[in-house]
Protein backbone atom coordinates (compact mmCIF):
# COMPACT_ATOMS: atom_id res chain seq x y z
CA UNK A 1 0.03 -0.03 -0.09
CA UNK A 2 1.21 3.64 -0.69
CA UNK A 3 2.47 5.36 2.02
CA UNK A 4 0.21 8.34 3.44
CA UNK A 5 2.51 11.06 2.28
CA UNK A 6 2.26 9.54 -1.27
CA UNK A 7 -1.77 9.72 -1.18
CA UNK A 8 -1.27 13.31 -0.08
CA UNK A 9 0.81 13.85 -3.00
CA UNK A 10 -1.53 12.11 -5.45
CA UNK A 11 -4.56 14.35 -4.34
CA UNK A 12 -2.62 17.35 -4.58
CA UNK A 13 -1.26 16.20 -8.06
CA UNK A 14 -4.84 16.06 -8.97
CA UNK A 15 -5.83 19.52 -8.66
CA UNK A 16 -2.52 20.75 -10.21
CA UNK A 17 -3.83 21.11 -13.90
CA UNK A 18 -6.16 23.82 -15.65
CA UNK A 19 -8.40 21.30 -17.21
CA UNK A 20 -9.18 19.65 -13.92
CA UNK A 21 -9.58 23.01 -12.12
CA UNK A 22 -11.87 23.88 -14.55
CA UNK A 23 -13.69 20.65 -13.87
CA UNK A 24 -13.86 21.43 -10.05
CA UNK A 25 -15.40 24.79 -10.44
CA UNK A 26 -18.16 23.23 -12.66
CA UNK A 27 -18.57 20.77 -10.13
CA UNK A 28 -18.69 23.56 -7.45
CA UNK A 29 -22.80 23.55 -7.89
CA UNK A 30 -23.13 19.84 -7.25
CA UNK A 31 -23.23 16.55 -9.34
CA UNK A 32 -22.94 16.63 -12.96
CA UNK A 33 -23.15 14.14 -15.87
CA UNK A 34 -20.24 13.89 -17.97
CA UNK A 35 -22.36 14.89 -20.77
CA UNK A 36 -22.81 18.27 -19.06
CA UNK A 37 -19.18 18.76 -18.03
CA UNK A 38 -17.03 18.42 -21.27
CA UNK A 39 -19.15 21.00 -23.08
CA UNK A 40 -19.27 23.49 -20.07
CA UNK A 41 -15.35 23.27 -19.87
CA UNK A 42 -14.77 23.64 -23.52
CA UNK A 43 -12.75 20.20 -23.77
CA UNK A 44 -13.14 16.98 -25.77
CA UNK A 45 -15.30 14.02 -23.97
CA UNK A 46 -12.06 11.68 -23.99
CA UNK A 47 -9.81 14.28 -22.82
CA UNK A 48 -12.31 15.17 -19.85
CA UNK A 49 -12.96 11.52 -19.20
CA UNK A 50 -9.19 10.86 -18.49
CA UNK A 51 -9.30 13.70 -16.22
CA UNK A 52 -12.27 12.75 -14.65
CA UNK A 53 -10.55 9.40 -13.86
CA UNK A 54 -7.54 10.71 -12.60
CA UNK A 55 -9.43 12.79 -9.99
CA UNK A 56 -11.69 9.73 -8.94
CA UNK A 57 -8.81 7.61 -8.59
CA UNK A 58 -7.04 9.86 -6.35
CA UNK A 59 -10.16 10.56 -4.14
CA UNK A 60 -11.16 13.80 -5.19
CA UNK A 61 -14.25 12.79 -6.87
CA UNK A 62 -16.89 10.40 -6.49
CA UNK A 63 -18.74 8.71 -9.32
CA UNK A 64 -22.18 7.05 -9.66
CA UNK A 65 -24.00 5.85 -12.65
CA UNK A 66 -27.63 6.06 -13.33
CA UNK A 67 -28.53 4.15 -16.41
CA UNK A 68 -26.38 5.06 -19.20
CA UNK A 69 -25.27 8.33 -17.52
CA UNK A 70 -22.29 8.70 -15.28
CA UNK A 71 -22.45 11.45 -12.60
CA UNK A 72 -19.49 12.95 -10.95
CA UNK A 73 -19.35 14.98 -7.75
CA UNK A 74 -16.60 16.77 -5.39
CA UNK A 75 -16.13 13.80 -2.84
CA UNK A 76 -15.10 16.16 -0.08
CA UNK A 77 -16.24 19.93 0.39
CA UNK A 78 -12.99 20.68 1.97
CA UNK A 79 -11.32 20.34 -1.81
CA UNK A 80 -13.34 23.37 -2.54
CA UNK A 81 -12.09 25.25 0.37
CA UNK A 82 -8.41 24.51 -0.53
CA UNK A 83 -9.25 25.95 -3.99
CA UNK A 84 -10.78 28.95 -2.45
CA UNK A 85 -7.61 29.39 -0.42
CA UNK A 86 -5.33 28.97 -3.85
CA UNK A 87 -7.47 31.86 -5.06
CA UNK A 88 -7.06 34.25 -2.33
CA UNK A 89 -3.31 33.61 -2.33
CA UNK A 90 -2.95 34.20 -6.31
CA UNK A 91 -4.89 37.02 -5.66
CA UNK A 92 -2.92 38.48 -3.00
CA UNK A 93 0.59 37.57 -4.96
CA UNK A 94 -0.69 39.25 -8.17
CA UNK A 95 -1.83 42.38 -5.94
CA UNK A 96 1.58 42.34 -4.30
CA UNK A 97 3.44 42.35 -7.60
CA UNK A 98 1.52 45.23 -8.87
CA UNK A 99 2.45 47.40 -5.94
CA UNK A 100 5.88 46.61 -6.37
CA UNK A 101 5.81 47.38 -10.06
CA UNK A 102 3.98 50.90 -9.07
CA UNK A 103 6.70 51.50 -6.46
CA UNK A 104 9.59 51.06 -9.08
């Protein structure tokens, strides 16, 4: 079995990609069918499915089937809190850089 630290790294890797961030933002409102996800994020279905499966295997998403449709959801609400924290830090960093540029 993987070491605990490796499982943490896998979960963080699942968040560290632009397409996956778009998927997570789209899923912020709740569970969605794959048929809704790929058009909403502007990606091909095969590419979207690959990213969804990666996030599923790392524990970021949950999945359920209803007939022929497959639905995904953010598995833990805390994932969205992590994304909100990163957004805040990026905005602060950008603001700090802008202030530094104004001062020079």
